[in-house]
Amino acid sequence: MNRFDGEMGSVRGMRSLSSLLLLAATLVFAQADIARGQNDYPNRPIQLVVTVPPGGAADFVGRLIGAKLADALGQPVVISNRGGAGGTTAAAAVAKSDPDGYTLLLNTIATASARTSTPTCPTTR
């Protein structure tokens, strides 16, 4: 292993992170285009619930997505950080909210895998 191997690993890591962010943004904008098919949506602010406390990488991504979503939909997007319990508290709050499209969840793989590792996970109640 030479001194350039470490640098190549970080470049690959940045490329995969960039690809992941691009995929997330594409999915958000695809949903926004579908939502535009409804005549009066959105007519009030949208809440984007992030499963981590403020200041981390997922919070940063959530704020970027929220800003782009606000531009695309013409309504403010309020970022709500609800860290704790591996994201299950945030996921449970979104699952229990009205299914009107005004409360969205930005989660991580920890939240997605919590149900398999914890049979009593609150996101399914």
N, C-alpha and C. Protein backbone atom coordinates (compact mmCIF):
# COMPACT_ATOMS: atom_id res chain seq x y z
N MET A 1 0.85 -1.17 0.00
CA MET A 1 0.00 0.00 0.00
C MET A 1 0.89 1.23 0.00
N ASN A 2 0.63 2.13 -0.90
CA ASN A 2 1.42 3.36 -0.93
C ASN A 2 0.63 4.52 -0.34
N ARG A 3 1.21 5.68 -0.30
CA ARG A 3 0.56 6.81 0.35
C ARG A 3 -0.65 7.33 -0.43
N PHE A 4 -0.82 6.94 -1.67
CA PHE A 4 -1.95 7.41 -2.46
C PHE A 4 -3.20 6.57 -2.26
N ASP A 5 -3.05 5.35 -1.70
CA ASP A 5 -4.22 4.49 -1.49
C ASP A 5 -5.24 5.15 -0.57
N GLY A 6 -4.79 5.77 0.49
CA GLY A 6 -5.69 6.45 1.41
C GLY A 6 -6.44 7.59 0.74
N GLU A 7 -5.76 8.32 -0.13
CA GLU A 7 -6.40 9.43 -0.82
C GLU A 7 -7.46 8.92 -1.79
N MET A 8 -7.18 7.82 -2.46
CA MET A 8 -8.16 7.27 -3.40
C MET A 8 -9.40 6.80 -2.65
N GLY A 9 -9.21 6.23 -1.45
CA GLY A 9 -10.34 5.78 -0.66
C GLY A 9 -11.24 6.94 -0.30
N SER A 10 -10.68 8.08 0.05
CA SER A 10 -11.49 9.23 0.42
C SER A 10 -12.21 9.81 -0.79
N VAL A 11 -11.57 9.75 -1.96
CA VAL A 11 -12.23 10.23 -3.18
C VAL A 11 -13.41 9.34 -3.50
N ARG A 12 -13.23 8.04 -3.35
CA ARG A 12 -14.35 7.12 -3.59
C ARG A 12 -15.47 7.36 -2.59
N GLY A 13 -15.09 7.62 -1.34
CA GLY A 13 -16.10 7.91 -0.32
C GLY A 13 -16.88 9.16 -0.64
N MET A 14 -16.20 10.19 -1.11
CA MET A 14 -16.88 11.44 -1.48
C MET A 14 -17.79 11.23 -2.69
N ARG A 15 -17.34 10.40 -3.63
CA ARG A 15 -18.19 10.12 -4.79
C ARG A 15 -19.45 9.39 -4.38
N SER A 16 -19.33 8.42 -3.46
CA SER A 16 -20.52 7.69 -3.05
C SER A 16 -21.44 8.59 -2.23
N LEU A 17 -20.88 9.49 -1.41
CA LEU A 17 -21.71 10.43 -0.67
C LEU A 17 -22.42 11.38 -1.63
N SER A 18 -21.71 11.85 -2.64
CA SER A 18 -22.32 12.73 -3.64
C SER A 18 -23.43 12.00 -4.38
N SER A 19 -23.20 10.75 -4.72
CA SER A 19 -24.23 9.96 -5.40
C SER A 19 -25.45 9.77 -4.52
N LEU A 20 -25.22 9.53 -3.23
CA LEU A 20 -26.32 9.36 -2.30
C LEU A 20 -27.14 10.64 -2.17
N LEU A 21 -26.46 11.78 -2.06
CA LEU A 21 -27.16 13.06 -1.97
C LEU A 21 -27.95 13.34 -3.25
N LEU A 22 -27.37 13.02 -4.38
CA LEU A 22 -28.07 13.22 -5.65
C LEU A 22 -29.31 12.34 -5.73
N LEU A 23 -29.20 11.11 -5.28
CA LEU A 23 -30.35 10.20 -5.28
C LEU A 23 -31.44 10.73 -4.36
N ALA A 24 -31.06 11.19 -3.17
CA ALA A 24 -32.05 11.72 -2.23
C ALA A 24 -32.76 12.94 -2.81
N ALA A 25 -32.00 13.84 -3.40
CA ALA A 25 -32.60 15.04 -3.99
C ALA A 25 -33.52 14.68 -5.15
N THR A 26 -33.12 13.69 -5.95
CA THR A 26 -33.96 13.25 -7.06
C THR A 26 -35.28 12.70 -6.57
N LEU A 27 -35.24 11.90 -5.51
CA LEU A 27 -36.47 11.33 -4.96
C LEU A 27 -37.37 12.42 -4.39
N VAL A 28 -36.77 13.40 -3.72
CA VAL A 28 -37.58 14.49 -3.17
C VAL A 28 -38.24 15.28 -4.29
N PHE A 29 -37.47 15.61 -5.32
CA PHE A 29 -38.04 16.39 -6.42
C PHE A 29 -39.06 15.59 -7.22
N ALA A 30 -38.87 14.28 -7.32
CA ALA A 30 -39.85 13.45 -8.00
C ALA A 30 -41.17 13.46 -7.24
N GLN A 31 -41.09 13.39 -5.92
CA GLN A 31 -42.29 13.47 -5.10
C GLN A 31 -42.93 14.85 -5.22
N ALA A 32 -42.11 15.88 -5.32
CA ALA A 32 -42.64 17.24 -5.46
C ALA A 32 -43.41 17.38 -6.77
N ASP A 33 -42.89 16.77 -7.84
CA ASP A 33 -43.60 16.83 -9.11
C ASP A 33 -44.94 16.09 -9.04
N ILE A 34 -44.97 14.97 -8.33
CA ILE A 34 -46.22 14.24 -8.15
C ILE A 34 -47.19 15.09 -7.35
N ALA A 35 -46.69 15.73 -6.30
CA ALA A 35 -47.55 16.55 -5.45
C ALA A 35 -48.11 17.74 -6.21
N ARG A 36 -47.41 18.23 -7.19
CA ARG A 36 -47.91 19.36 -7.97
C ARG A 36 -49.15 19.01 -8.76
N GLY A 37 -49.40 17.73 -8.96
CA GLY A 37 -50.60 17.32 -9.66
C GLY A 37 -51.86 17.66 -8.89
N GLN A 38 -51.74 17.84 -7.58
CA GLN A 38 -52.86 18.26 -6.76
C GLN A 38 -52.95 19.77 -6.84
N ASN A 39 -54.14 20.28 -7.04
CA ASN A 39 -54.31 21.71 -7.28
C ASN A 39 -53.90 22.60 -6.13
N ASP A 40 -54.22 22.25 -4.90
CA ASP A 40 -53.98 23.15 -3.79
C ASP A 40 -52.84 22.73 -2.87
N TYR A 41 -52.04 21.78 -3.26
CA TYR A 41 -50.91 21.35 -2.43
C TYR A 41 -49.64 22.00 -2.93
N PRO A 42 -48.83 22.50 -2.10
CA PRO A 42 -49.00 22.78 -0.68
C PRO A 42 -49.56 24.18 -0.46
N ASN A 43 -50.39 24.29 0.51
CA ASN A 43 -50.95 25.60 0.81
C ASN A 43 -50.58 26.07 2.22
N ARG A 44 -49.65 25.37 2.84
CA ARG A 44 -49.12 25.76 4.15
C ARG A 44 -47.71 25.20 4.29
N PRO A 45 -46.96 25.62 5.30
CA PRO A 45 -45.58 25.13 5.46
C PRO A 45 -45.51 23.61 5.63
N ILE A 46 -44.39 23.04 5.18
CA ILE A 46 -44.14 21.61 5.27
C ILE A 46 -43.11 21.38 6.36
N GLN A 47 -43.29 20.33 7.13
CA GLN A 47 -42.34 20.00 8.19
C GLN A 47 -41.50 18.81 7.74
N LEU A 48 -40.18 18.99 7.77
CA LEU A 48 -39.24 17.91 7.46
C LEU A 48 -38.59 17.48 8.77
N VAL A 49 -38.93 16.29 9.24
CA VAL A 49 -38.42 15.78 10.51
C VAL A 49 -37.14 15.01 10.23
N VAL A 50 -36.06 15.44 10.89
CA VAL A 50 -34.74 14.81 10.76
C VAL A 50 -34.50 14.00 12.02
N THR A 51 -34.00 12.78 11.87
CA THR A 51 -33.89 11.84 12.99
C THR A 51 -32.65 12.02 13.84
N VAL A 52 -31.93 13.10 13.68
CA VAL A 52 -30.72 13.35 14.46
C VAL A 52 -30.75 14.76 15.04
N PRO A 53 -29.96 15.01 16.09
CA PRO A 53 -29.88 16.37 16.63
C PRO A 53 -29.24 17.33 15.64
N PRO A 54 -29.43 18.63 15.82
CA PRO A 54 -28.83 19.61 14.91
C PRO A 54 -27.31 19.57 14.94
N GLY A 55 -26.71 19.89 13.80
CA GLY A 55 -25.26 20.03 13.73
C GLY A 55 -24.52 18.91 13.03
N GLY A 56 -25.15 17.79 12.81
CA GLY A 56 -24.47 16.67 12.17
C GLY A 56 -24.64 16.67 10.67
N ALA A 57 -24.09 15.66 10.04
CA ALA A 57 -24.14 15.56 8.58
C ALA A 57 -25.57 15.37 8.08
N ALA A 58 -26.35 14.54 8.76
CA ALA A 58 -27.73 14.31 8.32
C ALA A 58 -28.57 15.57 8.48
N ASP A 59 -28.29 16.36 9.50
CA ASP A 59 -28.98 17.64 9.68
C ASP A 59 -28.63 18.59 8.53
N PHE A 60 -27.36 18.61 8.16
CA PHE A 60 -26.91 19.46 7.04
C PHE A 60 -27.62 19.05 5.75
N VAL A 61 -27.68 17.75 5.50
CA VAL A 61 -28.36 17.25 4.30
C VAL A 61 -29.85 17.61 4.34
N GLY A 62 -30.45 17.46 5.51
CA GLY A 62 -31.86 17.82 5.65
C GLY A 62 -32.12 19.29 5.36
N ARG A 63 -31.22 20.15 5.79
CA ARG A 63 -31.40 21.58 5.54
C ARG A 63 -31.19 21.91 4.05
N LEU A 64 -30.27 21.20 3.40
CA LEU A 64 -30.10 21.40 1.96
C LEU A 64 -31.34 20.95 1.19
N ILE A 65 -31.83 19.78 1.54
CA ILE A 65 -33.03 19.25 0.88
C ILE A 65 -34.23 20.14 1.17
N GLY A 66 -34.35 20.61 2.41
CA GLY A 66 -35.45 21.48 2.78
C GLY A 66 -35.45 22.78 1.99
N ALA A 67 -34.27 23.36 1.80
CA ALA A 67 -34.17 24.61 1.03
C ALA A 67 -34.57 24.39 -0.43
N LYS A 68 -34.09 23.31 -1.03
CA LYS A 68 -34.43 23.02 -2.42
C LYS A 68 -35.92 22.68 -2.57
N LEU A 69 -36.45 21.97 -1.61
CA LEU A 69 -37.87 21.62 -1.64
C LEU A 69 -38.73 22.87 -1.50
N ALA A 70 -38.32 23.79 -0.63
CA ALA A 70 -39.05 25.06 -0.46
C ALA A 70 -39.04 25.86 -1.76
N ASP A 71 -37.90 25.89 -2.43
CA ASP A 71 -37.81 26.59 -3.72
C ASP A 71 -38.72 25.94 -4.76
N ALA A 72 -38.73 24.62 -4.78
CA ALA A 72 -39.51 23.89 -5.80
C ALA A 72 -41.02 24.01 -5.55
N LEU A 73 -41.44 24.03 -4.28
CA LEU A 73 -42.86 24.02 -3.98
C LEU A 73 -43.43 25.40 -3.67
N GLY A 74 -42.56 26.35 -3.40
CA GLY A 74 -43.04 27.70 -3.10
C GLY A 74 -43.64 27.86 -1.72
N GLN A 75 -43.33 26.95 -0.82
CA GLN A 75 -43.79 27.03 0.57
C GLN A 75 -42.58 26.80 1.48
N PRO A 76 -42.59 27.41 2.67
CA PRO A 76 -41.48 27.17 3.59
C PRO A 76 -41.42 25.72 4.05
N VAL A 77 -40.22 25.24 4.28
CA VAL A 77 -40.02 23.90 4.83
C VAL A 77 -39.34 24.09 6.18
N VAL A 78 -40.00 23.65 7.23
CA VAL A 78 -39.50 23.78 8.59
C VAL A 78 -38.76 22.50 8.95
N ILE A 79 -37.50 22.64 9.35
CA ILE A 79 -36.70 21.48 9.75
C ILE A 79 -36.93 21.25 11.24
N SER A 80 -37.33 20.03 11.59
CA SER A 80 -37.57 19.66 12.98
C SER A 80 -36.64 18.50 13.33
N ASN A 81 -35.66 18.76 14.18
CA ASN A 81 -34.72 17.73 14.60
C ASN A 81 -35.29 16.99 15.81
N ARG A 82 -35.43 15.67 15.68
CA ARG A 82 -35.94 14.85 16.78
C ARG A 82 -35.03 13.66 16.97
N GLY A 83 -33.87 13.93 17.55
CA GLY A 83 -32.91 12.87 17.80
C GLY A 83 -33.32 12.01 18.97
N GLY A 84 -32.82 10.80 19.00
CA GLY A 84 -33.07 9.90 20.11
C GLY A 84 -33.61 8.56 19.65
N ALA A 85 -33.20 7.53 20.38
CA ALA A 85 -33.66 6.16 20.15
C ALA A 85 -33.39 5.69 18.73
N GLY A 86 -32.26 6.12 18.18
CA GLY A 86 -31.88 5.68 16.84
C GLY A 86 -32.81 6.16 15.75
N GLY A 87 -33.53 7.24 16.01
CA GLY A 87 -34.44 7.79 15.02
C GLY A 87 -35.86 7.27 15.10
N THR A 88 -36.11 6.31 16.00
CA THR A 88 -37.45 5.73 16.06
C THR A 88 -38.47 6.69 16.65
N THR A 89 -38.06 7.62 17.52
CA THR A 89 -39.03 8.58 18.06
C THR A 89 -39.51 9.52 16.96
N ALA A 90 -38.60 9.95 16.11
CA ALA A 90 -38.98 10.82 14.99
C ALA A 90 -39.85 10.06 14.00
N ALA A 91 -39.47 8.84 13.70
CA ALA A 91 -40.25 8.03 12.75
C ALA A 91 -41.64 7.75 13.29
N ALA A 92 -41.74 7.50 14.59
CA ALA A 92 -43.05 7.25 15.20
C ALA A 92 -43.93 8.50 15.13
N ALA A 93 -43.32 9.66 15.37
CA ALA A 93 -44.09 10.92 15.31
C ALA A 93 -44.62 11.17 13.90
N VAL A 94 -43.79 10.92 12.90
CA VAL A 94 -44.23 11.11 11.51
C VAL A 94 -45.29 10.07 11.14
N ALA A 95 -45.11 8.84 11.59
CA ALA A 95 -46.09 7.79 11.28
C ALA A 95 -47.45 8.11 11.88
N LYS A 96 -47.46 8.79 13.02
CA LYS A 96 -48.72 9.11 13.69
C LYS A 96 -49.31 10.45 13.22
N SER A 97 -48.59 11.18 12.40
CA SER A 97 -49.10 12.46 11.92
C SER A 97 -50.16 12.24 10.84
N ASP A 98 -50.89 13.29 10.53
CA ASP A 98 -51.90 13.20 9.48
C ASP A 98 -51.25 12.82 8.15
N PRO A 99 -51.85 11.90 7.40
CA PRO A 99 -51.27 11.50 6.11
C PRO A 99 -51.62 12.48 4.99
N ASP A 100 -51.26 13.74 5.19
CA ASP A 100 -51.61 14.77 4.23
C ASP A 100 -50.43 15.29 3.41
N GLY A 101 -49.24 14.74 3.65
CA GLY A 101 -48.07 15.15 2.88
C GLY A 101 -47.37 16.38 3.41
N TYR A 102 -47.77 16.87 4.58
CA TYR A 102 -47.14 18.06 5.15
C TYR A 102 -46.10 17.73 6.21
N THR A 103 -45.97 16.47 6.56
CA THR A 103 -44.94 16.03 7.50
C THR A 103 -44.13 14.95 6.81
N LEU A 104 -42.85 15.25 6.56
CA LEU A 104 -41.95 14.33 5.86
C LEU A 104 -40.85 13.88 6.80
N LEU A 105 -40.26 12.73 6.53
CA LEU A 105 -39.21 12.17 7.37
C LEU A 105 -37.93 12.01 6.56
N LEU A 106 -36.84 12.48 7.12
CA LEU A 106 -35.51 12.20 6.57
C LEU A 106 -34.83 11.30 7.58
N ASN A 107 -34.70 10.03 7.24
CA ASN A 107 -34.13 9.09 8.19
C ASN A 107 -32.81 8.53 7.71
N THR A 108 -32.22 7.71 8.56
CA THR A 108 -30.95 7.06 8.25
C THR A 108 -31.17 5.55 8.24
N ILE A 109 -30.15 4.83 7.92
CA ILE A 109 -30.25 3.38 7.89
C ILE A 109 -30.54 2.83 9.29
N ALA A 110 -30.13 3.54 10.33
CA ALA A 110 -30.41 3.08 11.70
C ALA A 110 -31.91 3.03 11.94
N THR A 111 -32.64 4.01 11.45
CA THR A 111 -34.09 4.03 11.63
C THR A 111 -34.73 2.91 10.83
N ALA A 112 -34.25 2.69 9.64
CA ALA A 112 -34.82 1.67 8.77
C ALA A 112 -34.60 0.27 9.32
N SER A 113 -33.50 0.05 10.02
CA SER A 113 -33.19 -1.29 10.54
C SER A 113 -33.68 -1.49 11.96
N ALA A 114 -34.22 -0.47 12.61
CA ALA A 114 -34.63 -0.58 14.00
C ALA A 114 -35.76 -1.60 14.17
N ARG A 115 -36.65 -1.68 13.22
CA ARG A 115 -37.78 -2.60 13.34
C ARG A 115 -37.32 -4.05 13.36
N THR A 116 -36.31 -4.38 12.60
CA THR A 116 -35.83 -5.76 12.57
C THR A 116 -35.09 -6.13 13.84
N SER A 117 -34.36 -5.18 14.39
CA SER A 117 -33.58 -5.49 15.58
C SER A 117 -34.36 -5.31 16.88
N THR A 118 -35.47 -4.58 16.85
CA THR A 118 -36.27 -4.32 18.03
C THR A 118 -37.73 -4.61 17.72
N PRO A 119 -38.23 -5.79 18.10
CA PRO A 119 -39.61 -6.13 17.77
C PRO A 119 -40.66 -5.19 18.34
N THR A 120 -40.34 -4.51 19.43
CA THR A 120 -41.30 -3.60 20.05
C THR A 120 -41.07 -2.16 19.63
N CYS A 121 -40.53 -1.98 18.46
CA CYS A 121 -40.21 -0.64 17.94
C CYS A 121 -41.47 0.22 17.86
N PRO A 122 -41.44 1.47 18.36
CA PRO A 122 -42.65 2.30 18.37
C PRO A 122 -43.12 2.76 17.00
N THR A 123 -42.35 2.57 15.96
CA THR A 123 -42.76 3.07 14.64
C THR A 123 -43.89 2.24 14.04
N THR A 124 -44.17 1.07 14.62
CA THR A 124 -45.22 0.22 14.05
C THR A 124 -46.50 0.25 14.87
N ARG A 125 -46.52 1.06 15.89
CA ARG A 125 -47.72 1.12 16.74
C ARG A 125 -48.64 2.21 16.32
